[in-house]
Amino acid sequence: MRILRAGDHKRMPWKNGGGETVEIAVSPEAGGLAGFDWRVSMATVAADGPFSIFPGIDRTLVILDGNGMVLDIEGSIPVLLTTASDPLAFPADIPVAARLQDGAITDLNVMTRRDGLAHTLIRIDIDGGTSVPLTSSTCLLLCHRGALSFRRDGESGTLAAGDALLIADAAGTALEIDGEARCYLVSIATP
C-alpha cells in the first residue's frame, strides 16, 4: 500500500490545452498522456468546451464539487452530472462537449486502456467504521472530504482530504476504514 498525499499530486495541462489536471496516480508512471495503461486524475472545469480525445481509452467521470455539468456525448442524449449523480462511464475516444450549469466544477476522472484493462468507480460515504471489499488487483481510495484511518493486512495509516491510497495485489482482501469522509474507490482489473 502506498499513500499518495494531496500536496504531492502532479499538476499538468490538459491534453487539449483547455485547463489543468491534477494527476493522482498513473501506470506506468513514465507513460505520459499517450502511453498510460490507467490514470486517475481530478480537473477543474471553468468553461464550456470539448473533452480531450484519448484513442482506445474508456473513461468514468464523477462531479466532486460545483453545480454540475451537462455532457454531450456523441451518439447519446445529453446527460446532467451533479455531485449527487452516479459516476458516468463513456468512451474517451469519441467527441464529448461539456456545458457548465452554474460556475466551475471539479471532477474525478478514471481512464483505462480498453484492450487490456477495465475499471469501476464507486462513491463511499464513511460515518464511523466499515469494511470495504477489494475485488480487483489494483485499487485506489481517494478521500475527497473529511479524514479517515485504514487498516489492511497489518498495515495502517490515515488519509486527509485529497489524499489517496494505492493498493496493489488487493483482490480478495478488505480495507477496514474508520472516520467521517466521502471517498471514491477505483478498482482496476484485467477483463
Protein backbone atom coordinates (compact mmCIF):
# COMPACT_ATOMS: atom_id res chain seq x y z
CA MET A 1 0.00 0.00 0.00
CA ARG A 2 1.22 3.47 -0.79
CA ILE A 3 -0.24 6.76 0.49
CA LEU A 4 -0.38 9.49 -2.16
CA ARG A 5 -0.56 12.84 -0.35
CA ALA A 6 -2.59 15.67 -1.92
CA GLY A 7 0.40 18.02 -1.87
CA ASP A 8 2.42 15.58 -3.98
CA HIS A 9 -0.13 15.12 -6.80
CA LYS A 10 1.29 16.15 -10.18
CA ARG A 11 -0.25 19.16 -11.96
CA MET A 12 -0.22 19.24 -15.76
CA PRO A 13 -2.03 20.95 -18.66
CA TRP A 14 -4.95 19.20 -20.32
CA LYS A 15 -4.15 17.32 -23.50
CA ASN A 16 -6.29 19.85 -25.43
CA GLY A 17 -4.70 22.83 -23.62
CA GLY A 18 -8.03 23.99 -22.15
CA GLY A 19 -7.25 23.63 -18.45
CA GLU A 20 -5.22 21.85 -15.78
CA THR A 21 -5.34 18.31 -14.41
CA VAL A 22 -4.20 17.12 -11.01
CA GLU A 23 -2.85 13.61 -11.60
CA ILE A 24 -3.35 11.40 -8.56
CA ALA A 25 -1.85 8.18 -9.97
CA VAL A 26 -0.88 6.71 -13.34
CA SER A 27 0.57 3.43 -14.59
CA PRO A 28 3.16 3.15 -15.87
CA GLU A 29 4.44 6.26 -14.10
CA ALA A 30 6.56 7.31 -17.10
CA GLY A 31 3.80 6.53 -19.64
CA GLY A 32 2.77 10.13 -20.26
CA LEU A 33 -0.59 11.05 -21.80
CA ALA A 34 -0.14 8.73 -24.79
CA GLY A 35 1.31 5.68 -23.07
CA PHE A 36 -0.58 5.10 -19.82
CA ASP A 37 -2.44 1.86 -19.06
CA TRP A 38 -4.56 3.55 -16.39
CA ARG A 39 -4.83 7.03 -14.92
CA VAL A 40 -6.76 8.67 -12.05
CA SER A 41 -6.95 12.47 -12.01
CA MET A 42 -9.00 15.49 -10.95
CA ALA A 43 -9.71 18.56 -13.05
CA THR A 44 -11.36 21.91 -12.51
CA VAL A 45 -13.58 22.80 -15.46
CA ALA A 46 -14.12 26.56 -15.58
CA ALA A 47 -15.51 26.97 -19.11
CA ASP A 48 -17.66 25.10 -21.62
CA GLY A 49 -15.75 23.13 -24.24
CA PRO A 50 -14.67 19.82 -25.73
CA PHE A 51 -13.07 16.96 -23.85
CA SER A 52 -9.65 15.70 -24.93
CA ILE A 53 -9.74 12.61 -27.16
CA PHE A 54 -7.86 9.53 -25.92
CA PRO A 55 -7.86 6.73 -28.55
CA GLY A 56 -8.55 3.24 -27.15
CA ILE A 57 -9.39 4.53 -23.66
CA ASP A 58 -12.51 4.08 -21.52
CA ARG A 59 -13.34 6.85 -19.05
CA THR A 60 -15.52 7.27 -15.96
CA LEU A 61 -16.25 10.71 -14.55
CA VAL A 62 -17.92 11.94 -11.36
CA ILE A 63 -18.50 15.51 -10.15
CA LEU A 64 -16.72 16.23 -6.86
CA ASP A 65 -17.65 19.91 -6.37
CA GLY A 66 -19.75 22.57 -8.10
CA ASN A 67 -23.24 22.90 -9.53
CA GLY A 68 -22.96 20.38 -12.32
CA MET A 69 -22.10 19.93 -15.95
CA VAL A 70 -24.03 18.66 -18.97
CA LEU A 71 -22.09 16.23 -21.15
CA ASP A 72 -22.96 15.96 -24.83
CA ILE A 73 -21.53 12.55 -25.75
CA GLU A 74 -21.65 11.74 -29.46
CA GLY A 75 -24.43 9.22 -30.14
CA SER A 76 -26.16 9.76 -26.76
CA ILE A 77 -28.68 12.18 -25.30
CA PRO A 78 -27.09 14.94 -23.16
CA VAL A 79 -26.69 14.00 -19.51
CA LEU A 80 -26.53 16.30 -16.48
CA LEU A 81 -23.93 15.31 -13.89
CA THR A 82 -24.06 16.78 -10.38
CA THR A 83 -22.38 15.89 -7.09
CA ALA A 84 -25.37 13.60 -6.41
CA SER A 85 -25.03 11.72 -9.74
CA ASP A 86 -23.57 8.26 -10.03
CA PRO A 87 -20.24 8.04 -11.86
CA LEU A 88 -20.73 8.05 -15.65
CA ALA A 89 -18.73 5.69 -17.90
CA PHE A 90 -18.17 6.50 -21.59
CA PRO A 91 -15.53 6.02 -24.30
CA ALA A 92 -12.76 8.62 -24.25
CA ASP A 93 -12.19 8.33 -28.00
CA ILE A 94 -15.45 9.89 -29.20
CA PRO A 95 -16.36 13.59 -29.23
CA VAL A 96 -17.68 14.88 -25.88
CA ALA A 97 -18.53 18.50 -25.07
CA ALA A 98 -19.16 19.95 -21.61
CA ARG A 99 -21.59 22.74 -20.65
CA LEU A 100 -21.37 24.06 -17.10
CA GLN A 101 -24.63 24.58 -15.19
CA ASP A 102 -23.65 27.49 -12.94
CA GLY A 103 -19.94 28.05 -12.41
CA ALA A 104 -16.85 25.89 -12.31
CA ILE A 105 -16.84 22.24 -11.26
CA THR A 106 -14.17 19.80 -10.11
CA ASP A 107 -14.37 16.24 -11.41
CA LEU A 108 -12.68 12.91 -10.77
CA ASN A 109 -11.67 11.12 -13.93
CA VAL A 110 -10.63 7.45 -14.26
CA MET A 111 -9.24 6.15 -17.55
CA THR A 112 -8.08 2.68 -18.60
CA ARG A 113 -6.75 1.25 -21.84
CA ARG A 114 -9.67 -0.69 -23.34
CA ASP A 115 -7.65 -3.55 -24.85
CA GLY A 116 -6.23 -4.78 -21.56
CA LEU A 117 -7.98 -3.28 -18.55
CA ALA A 118 -11.40 -2.45 -17.13
CA HIS A 119 -12.32 -0.24 -14.19
CA THR A 120 -15.13 0.71 -11.83
CA LEU A 121 -15.61 3.84 -9.74
CA ILE A 122 -17.92 3.99 -6.73
CA ARG A 123 -18.70 6.60 -4.06
CA ILE A 124 -18.38 5.51 -0.42
CA ASP A 125 -19.60 7.69 2.45
CA ILE A 126 -17.89 6.75 5.73
CA ASP A 127 -19.67 7.52 9.00
CA GLY A 128 -17.92 5.50 11.69
CA GLY A 129 -16.37 2.19 10.72
CA THR A 130 -16.78 -0.04 7.69
CA SER A 131 -15.09 -2.87 5.82
CA VAL A 132 -14.65 -2.31 2.08
CA PRO A 133 -14.12 -5.48 -0.01
CA LEU A 134 -11.36 -5.10 -2.61
CA THR A 135 -12.19 -7.17 -5.67
CA SER A 136 -9.56 -6.06 -8.22
CA SER A 137 -5.80 -6.44 -8.34
CA THR A 138 -5.25 -2.67 -8.21
CA CYS A 139 -7.42 -0.34 -6.12
CA LEU A 140 -7.19 3.35 -5.28
CA LEU A 141 -9.18 5.00 -2.49
CA LEU A 142 -9.48 8.80 -2.73
CA CYS A 143 -10.51 10.67 0.43
CA HIS A 144 -12.38 13.61 -1.09
CA ARG A 145 -13.76 15.18 2.10
CA GLY A 146 -13.15 14.55 5.78
CA ALA A 147 -10.49 12.25 7.21
CA LEU A 148 -10.13 8.53 7.86
CA SER A 149 -7.87 5.84 9.22
CA PHE A 150 -7.40 2.50 7.47
CA ARG A 151 -6.07 -0.99 8.15
CA ARG A 152 -5.24 -3.91 5.86
CA ASP A 153 -3.01 -6.94 6.35
CA GLY A 154 -1.21 -5.46 9.37
CA GLU A 155 -0.58 -2.07 7.74
CA SER A 156 -2.37 1.10 8.82
CA GLY A 157 -2.40 4.82 8.18
CA THR A 158 -4.52 7.93 7.79
CA LEU A 159 -5.85 9.96 4.87
CA ALA A 160 -6.93 13.61 4.87
CA ALA A 161 -8.97 15.37 2.20
CA GLY A 162 -7.29 14.99 -1.19
CA ASP A 163 -5.06 12.09 -0.14
CA ALA A 164 -5.29 8.70 -1.83
CA LEU A 165 -4.29 5.15 -1.00
CA LEU A 166 -2.94 2.98 -3.84
CA ILE A 167 -3.23 -0.75 -3.17
CA ALA A 168 -1.51 -3.38 -5.33
CA ASP A 169 -2.38 -7.10 -5.07
CA ALA A 170 -5.66 -6.08 -3.48
CA ALA A 171 -8.01 -8.74 -4.90
CA GLY A 172 -9.78 -10.87 -2.32
CA THR A 173 -8.87 -8.65 0.64
CA ALA A 174 -10.71 -5.93 2.54
CA LEU A 175 -9.83 -2.43 3.72
CA GLU A 176 -11.02 -1.55 7.22
CA ILE A 177 -11.90 2.16 7.41
CA ASP A 178 -12.86 4.41 10.35
CA GLY A 179 -13.74 8.10 10.21
CA GLU A 180 -16.07 10.66 8.69
CA ALA A 181 -15.36 11.02 4.97
CA ARG A 182 -16.65 11.00 1.42
CA CYS A 183 -14.45 8.65 -0.58
CA TYR A 184 -14.22 7.24 -4.09
CA LEU A 185 -12.95 3.70 -4.75
CA VAL A 186 -11.36 2.93 -8.11
CA SER A 187 -10.94 -0.75 -8.99
CA ILE A 188 -8.76 -1.71 -11.98
CA ALA A 189 -8.58 -5.24 -13.36
CA THR A 190 -7.89 -7.26 -16.45
CA PRO A 191 -11.22 -8.21 -18.05
